Amino acid sequence: MNPPDRKILEREELLALLARPRGERIVFTNGCFDVLHRGHVEYLAYARSLADRLVVAVNSDDSVRRLKGPTRPLNSVEDRAIVLAALESVDYVTVFEEDTPLELISRLLPDVLVKGADYAVDAVVGGREVVDAGGEVVLAPLVPGRSTTELIRRSREAGSA
């Protein structure tokens, strides 16, 4: 197994690596992964069960701030990427600066695009592009009560008690 930091690739490096015909099923997912928790771990394990190779794209710090507000992320992109890369289920991690990974998905065109079941298939960014290229969009089951937002809320309540 590679050390976790060897799994973290720049976008162009990742695209070049996966452009080679390998006959492997490439699965892609993305997110902020600000505070890694059981819900994330089970979600990524599910995504990996569909894949020969699982690619996880993580929002940059600026991207997270634009999406989640000025107090986020709690963990830097470097920390989030290394924690994700340390997971056995994850083959590659890359960072994206944009608010969505549409450009990356459009260039990679994975066989499967996975998002959580809190999304609708037709609302998954990049879903149309993946389906048009012959791939599929899969919604992964969620672990009830396990979310970063919920963890932060409970932490704040505990701190004010």
C-alpha atoms as a PDB file:
ATOM      1  CA  MET A   1       0.000   0.000   0.000  1.00  0.00           C
ATOM      2  CA  ASN A   2       1.237   3.484  -0.849  1.00  0.00           C
ATOM      3  CA  PRO A   3       1.797   6.041   1.903  1.00  0.00           C
ATOM      4  CA  PRO A   4      -1.260   8.334   2.055  1.00  0.00           C
ATOM      5  CA  ASP A   5       0.499  11.355   0.539  1.00  0.00           C
ATOM      6  CA  ARG A   6       1.305   9.314  -2.588  1.00  0.00           C
ATOM      7  CA  LYS A   7      -2.431   8.961  -3.212  1.00  0.00           C
ATOM      8  CA  ILE A   8      -2.877  12.750  -3.402  1.00  0.00           C
ATOM      9  CA  LEU A   9      -2.520  13.875  -7.005  1.00  0.00           C
ATOM     10  CA  GLU A  10      -2.742  17.170  -8.832  1.00  0.00           C
ATOM     11  CA  ARG A  11      -5.634  17.259 -11.309  1.00  0.00           C
ATOM     12  CA  GLU A  12      -3.504  16.872 -14.446  1.00  0.00           C
ATOM     13  CA  GLU A  13      -1.497  14.034 -12.899  1.00  0.00           C
ATOM     14  CA  LEU A  14      -4.714  12.208 -11.965  1.00  0.00           C
ATOM     15  CA  LEU A  15      -6.248  12.702 -15.409  1.00  0.00           C
ATOM     16  CA  ALA A  16      -3.101  11.458 -17.139  1.00  0.00           C
ATOM     17  CA  LEU A  17      -2.898   8.401 -14.878  1.00  0.00           C
ATOM     18  CA  LEU A  18      -6.529   7.427 -15.416  1.00  0.00           C
ATOM     19  CA  ALA A  19      -6.537   8.201 -19.157  1.00  0.00           C
ATOM     20  CA  ARG A  20      -4.489   5.075 -19.794  1.00  0.00           C
ATOM     21  CA  PRO A  21      -6.760   2.189 -20.770  1.00  0.00           C
ATOM     22  CA  ARG A  22      -6.742  -0.139 -17.794  1.00  0.00           C
ATOM     23  CA  GLY A  23     -10.039  -1.985 -18.001  1.00  0.00           C
ATOM     24  CA  GLU A  24     -10.843  -0.830 -14.485  1.00  0.00           C
ATOM     25  CA  ARG A  25     -14.114   0.580 -13.228  1.00  0.00           C
ATOM     26  CA  ILE A  26     -13.426   4.152 -12.071  1.00  0.00           C
ATOM     27  CA  VAL A  27     -15.774   5.597  -9.452  1.00  0.00           C
ATOM     28  CA  PHE A  28     -15.727   9.281  -8.512  1.00  0.00           C
ATOM     29  CA  THR A  29     -17.148  11.179  -5.578  1.00  0.00           C
ATOM     30  CA  ASN A  30     -16.523  14.549  -4.055  1.00  0.00           C
ATOM     31  CA  GLY A  31     -17.178  16.676  -1.006  1.00  0.00           C
ATOM     32  CA  CYS A  32     -15.779  18.958   1.655  1.00  0.00           C
ATOM     33  CA  PHE A  33     -15.043  16.124   4.141  1.00  0.00           C
ATOM     34  CA  ASP A  34     -14.366  18.809   6.752  1.00  0.00           C
ATOM     35  CA  VAL A  35     -14.659  16.625   9.844  1.00  0.00           C
ATOM     36  CA  LEU A  36     -14.346  12.992   8.842  1.00  0.00           C
ATOM     37  CA  HIS A  37     -16.917  10.833  10.631  1.00  0.00           C
ATOM     38  CA  ARG A  38     -18.629   7.449  10.415  1.00  0.00           C
ATOM     39  CA  GLY A  39     -21.071   8.661   7.769  1.00  0.00           C
ATOM     40  CA  HIS A  40     -18.162   9.603   5.498  1.00  0.00           C
ATOM     41  CA  VAL A  41     -16.341   6.325   6.113  1.00  0.00           C
ATOM     42  CA  GLU A  42     -19.401   4.217   5.301  1.00  0.00           C
ATOM     43  CA  TYR A  43     -20.205   6.396   2.275  1.00  0.00           C
ATOM     44  CA  LEU A  44     -16.686   5.984   0.887  1.00  0.00           C
ATOM     45  CA  ALA A  45     -16.695   2.243   1.590  1.00  0.00           C
ATOM     46  CA  TYR A  46     -19.966   1.968  -0.333  1.00  0.00           C
ATOM     47  CA  ALA A  47     -18.522   3.960  -3.253  1.00  0.00           C
ATOM     48  CA  ARG A  48     -15.424   1.735  -3.226  1.00  0.00           C
ATOM     49  CA  SER A  49     -17.602  -1.378  -3.379  1.00  0.00           C
ATOM     50  CA  LEU A  50     -18.677  -0.211  -6.849  1.00  0.00           C
ATOM     51  CA  ALA A  51     -15.122   0.430  -8.051  1.00  0.00           C
ATOM     52  CA  ASP A  52     -11.806  -0.951  -9.078  1.00  0.00           C
ATOM     53  CA  ARG A  53     -10.450   2.544  -8.334  1.00  0.00           C
ATOM     54  CA  LEU A  54     -12.109   5.213  -6.169  1.00  0.00           C
ATOM     55  CA  VAL A  55     -11.276   8.865  -6.830  1.00  0.00           C
ATOM     56  CA  VAL A  56     -12.244  11.395  -4.160  1.00  0.00           C
ATOM     57  CA  ALA A  57     -12.185  15.085  -5.046  1.00  0.00           C
ATOM     58  CA  VAL A  58     -12.105  17.439  -2.070  1.00  0.00           C
ATOM     59  CA  ASN A  59     -13.068  21.116  -2.063  1.00  0.00           C
ATOM     60  CA  SER A  60     -10.237  23.576  -1.449  1.00  0.00           C
ATOM     61  CA  ASP A  61     -10.419  25.790   1.637  1.00  0.00           C
ATOM     62  CA  ASP A  62     -11.658  28.769  -0.414  1.00  0.00           C
ATOM     63  CA  SER A  63     -14.301  26.595  -2.066  1.00  0.00           C
ATOM     64  CA  VAL A  64     -15.533  25.357   1.331  1.00  0.00           C
ATOM     65  CA  ARG A  65     -15.735  28.940   2.658  1.00  0.00           C
ATOM     66  CA  ARG A  66     -17.825  29.993  -0.343  1.00  0.00           C
ATOM     67  CA  LEU A  67     -20.187  27.033   0.149  1.00  0.00           C
ATOM     68  CA  LYS A  68     -20.332  26.706   3.953  1.00  0.00           C
ATOM     69  CA  GLY A  69     -19.492  30.185   5.251  1.00  0.00           C
ATOM     70  CA  PRO A  70     -16.547  32.033   6.799  1.00  0.00           C
ATOM     71  CA  THR A  71     -16.113  29.704   9.798  1.00  0.00           C
ATOM     72  CA  ARG A  72     -15.449  26.662   7.625  1.00  0.00           C
ATOM     73  CA  PRO A  73     -13.521  24.558   6.971  1.00  0.00           C
ATOM     74  CA  LEU A  74     -12.427  23.496  10.422  1.00  0.00           C
ATOM     75  CA  ASN A  75      -9.581  21.442   8.933  1.00  0.00           C
ATOM     76  CA  SER A  76      -7.246  22.609   6.170  1.00  0.00           C
ATOM     77  CA  VAL A  77      -7.414  21.017   2.741  1.00  0.00           C
ATOM     78  CA  GLU A  78      -3.994  19.460   3.352  1.00  0.00           C
ATOM     79  CA  ASP A  79      -5.288  17.773   6.517  1.00  0.00           C
ATOM     80  CA  ARG A  80      -8.557  16.702   4.888  1.00  0.00           C
ATOM     81  CA  ALA A  81      -6.738  15.248   1.876  1.00  0.00           C
ATOM     82  CA  ILE A  82      -4.229  13.255   3.947  1.00  0.00           C
ATOM     83  CA  VAL A  83      -6.982  11.811   6.179  1.00  0.00           C
ATOM     84  CA  LEU A  84      -9.002  10.772   3.127  1.00  0.00           C
ATOM     85  CA  ALA A  85      -5.928   9.294   1.457  1.00  0.00           C
ATOM     86  CA  ALA A  86      -5.219   7.228   4.585  1.00  0.00           C
ATOM     87  CA  LEU A  87      -8.517   5.377   4.174  1.00  0.00           C
ATOM     88  CA  GLU A  88      -8.192   1.926   2.657  1.00  0.00           C
ATOM     89  CA  SER A  89     -11.260   2.514   0.486  1.00  0.00           C
ATOM     90  CA  VAL A  90      -9.730   5.548  -1.279  1.00  0.00           C
ATOM     91  CA  ASP A  91      -7.311   5.098  -4.188  1.00  0.00           C
ATOM     92  CA  TYR A  92      -6.752   8.723  -5.223  1.00  0.00           C
ATOM     93  CA  VAL A  93      -7.475  12.157  -3.787  1.00  0.00           C
ATOM     94  CA  THR A  94      -7.405  15.423  -5.685  1.00  0.00           C
ATOM     95  CA  VAL A  95      -8.334  18.965  -4.711  1.00  0.00           C
ATOM     96  CA  PHE A  96     -10.564  21.280  -6.712  1.00  0.00           C
ATOM     97  CA  GLU A  97     -10.788  25.050  -6.352  1.00  0.00           C
ATOM     98  CA  GLU A  98     -14.154  25.559  -8.032  1.00  0.00           C
ATOM     99  CA  ASP A  99     -17.484  25.474  -6.189  1.00  0.00           C
ATOM    100  CA  THR A 100     -18.341  22.253  -8.046  1.00  0.00           C
ATOM    101  CA  PRO A 101     -16.206  19.530  -9.632  1.00  0.00           C
ATOM    102  CA  LEU A 102     -18.024  19.788 -12.994  1.00  0.00           C
ATOM    103  CA  GLU A 103     -14.880  20.553 -15.005  1.00  0.00           C
ATOM    104  CA  LEU A 104     -12.986  17.661 -13.395  1.00  0.00           C
ATOM    105  CA  ILE A 105     -15.871  15.220 -13.859  1.00  0.00           C
ATOM    106  CA  SER A 106     -16.304  16.312 -17.493  1.00  0.00           C
ATOM    107  CA  ARG A 107     -12.655  15.570 -18.191  1.00  0.00           C
ATOM    108  CA  LEU A 108     -12.401  12.345 -16.166  1.00  0.00           C
ATOM    109  CA  LEU A 109     -15.788  10.882 -17.167  1.00  0.00           C
ATOM    110  CA  PRO A 110     -15.792   8.141 -14.542  1.00  0.00           C
ATOM    111  CA  ASP A 111     -17.792   4.966 -15.003  1.00  0.00           C
ATOM    112  CA  VAL A 112     -19.799   5.776 -11.873  1.00  0.00           C
ATOM    113  CA  LEU A 113     -20.478   9.056 -10.116  1.00  0.00           C
ATOM    114  CA  VAL A 114     -21.536   8.615  -6.468  1.00  0.00           C
ATOM    115  CA  LYS A 115     -23.276  11.123  -4.215  1.00  0.00           C
ATOM    116  CA  GLY A 116     -25.286  10.713  -1.033  1.00  0.00           C
ATOM    117  CA  ALA A 117     -28.953   9.796  -1.040  1.00  0.00           C
ATOM    118  CA  ASP A 118     -29.731  13.335   0.146  1.00  0.00           C
ATOM    119  CA  TYR A 119     -29.308  14.336  -3.531  1.00  0.00           C
ATOM    120  CA  ALA A 120     -31.670  13.692  -6.424  1.00  0.00           C
ATOM    121  CA  VAL A 121     -30.004  11.926  -9.370  1.00  0.00           C
ATOM    122  CA  ASP A 122     -30.901  14.750 -11.756  1.00  0.00           C
ATOM    123  CA  ALA A 123     -29.336  17.318  -9.367  1.00  0.00           C
ATOM    124  CA  VAL A 124     -25.923  15.632  -9.110  1.00  0.00           C
ATOM    125  CA  VAL A 125     -23.286  17.910 -10.628  1.00  0.00           C
ATOM    126  CA  GLY A 126     -21.697  16.152 -13.587  1.00  0.00           C
ATOM    127  CA  GLY A 127     -24.351  13.451 -13.671  1.00  0.00           C
ATOM    128  CA  ARG A 128     -25.623  14.343 -17.131  1.00  0.00           C
ATOM    129  CA  GLU A 129     -22.088  14.331 -18.526  1.00  0.00           C
ATOM    130  CA  VAL A 130     -21.303  10.931 -16.987  1.00  0.00           C
ATOM    131  CA  VAL A 131     -24.563   9.363 -18.202  1.00  0.00           C
ATOM    132  CA  ASP A 132     -24.112  10.846 -21.700  1.00  0.00           C
ATOM    133  CA  ALA A 133     -20.674   9.169 -21.808  1.00  0.00           C
ATOM    134  CA  GLY A 134     -22.201   5.786 -20.896  1.00  0.00           C
ATOM    135  CA  GLY A 135     -21.664   5.902 -17.137  1.00  0.00           C
ATOM    136  CA  GLU A 136     -24.118   5.968 -14.283  1.00  0.00           C
ATOM    137  CA  VAL A 137     -25.007   8.024 -11.223  1.00  0.00           C
ATOM    138  CA  VAL A 138     -25.496   6.127  -7.967  1.00  0.00           C
ATOM    139  CA  LEU A 139     -26.889   7.526  -4.728  1.00  0.00           C
ATOM    140  CA  ALA A 140     -25.246   6.052  -1.644  1.00  0.00           C
ATOM    141  CA  PRO A 141     -27.271   5.356   1.493  1.00  0.00           C
ATOM    142  CA  LEU A 142     -26.759   7.760   4.383  1.00  0.00           C
ATOM    143  CA  VAL A 143     -26.011   6.910   7.993  1.00  0.00           C
ATOM    144  CA  PRO A 144     -28.802   8.635   9.941  1.00  0.00           C
ATOM    145  CA  GLY A 145     -27.669  11.380  12.308  1.00  0.00           C
ATOM    146  CA  ARG A 146     -24.102  11.381  10.999  1.00  0.00           C
ATOM    147  CA  SER A 147     -23.139  14.668   9.360  1.00  0.00           C
ATOM    148  CA  THR A 148     -20.502  17.320   9.874  1.00  0.00           C
ATOM    149  CA  THR A 149     -23.208  19.928  10.425  1.00  0.00           C
ATOM    150  CA  GLU A 150     -24.762  17.769  13.158  1.00  0.00           C
ATOM    151  CA  LEU A 151     -21.366  17.194  14.817  1.00  0.00           C
ATOM    152  CA  ILE A 152     -20.631  20.929  14.853  1.00  0.00           C
ATOM    153  CA  ARG A 153     -24.096  21.686  16.268  1.00  0.00           C
ATOM    154  CA  ARG A 154     -23.674  19.137  19.071  1.00  0.00           C
ATOM    155  CA  SER A 155     -20.178  20.408  19.828  1.00  0.00           C
ATOM    156  CA  ARG A 156     -21.421  23.991  20.138  1.00  0.00           C
ATOM    157  CA  GLU A 157     -24.276  22.891  22.401  1.00  0.00           C
ATOM    158  CA  ALA A 158     -21.855  20.965  24.627  1.00  0.00           C
ATOM    159  CA  GLY A 159     -19.534  23.992  24.790  1.00  0.00           C
ATOM    160  CA  SER A 160     -22.346  26.320  25.915  1.00  0.00           C
ATOM    161  CA  ALA A 161     -23.738  23.924  28.502  1.00  0.00           C
END
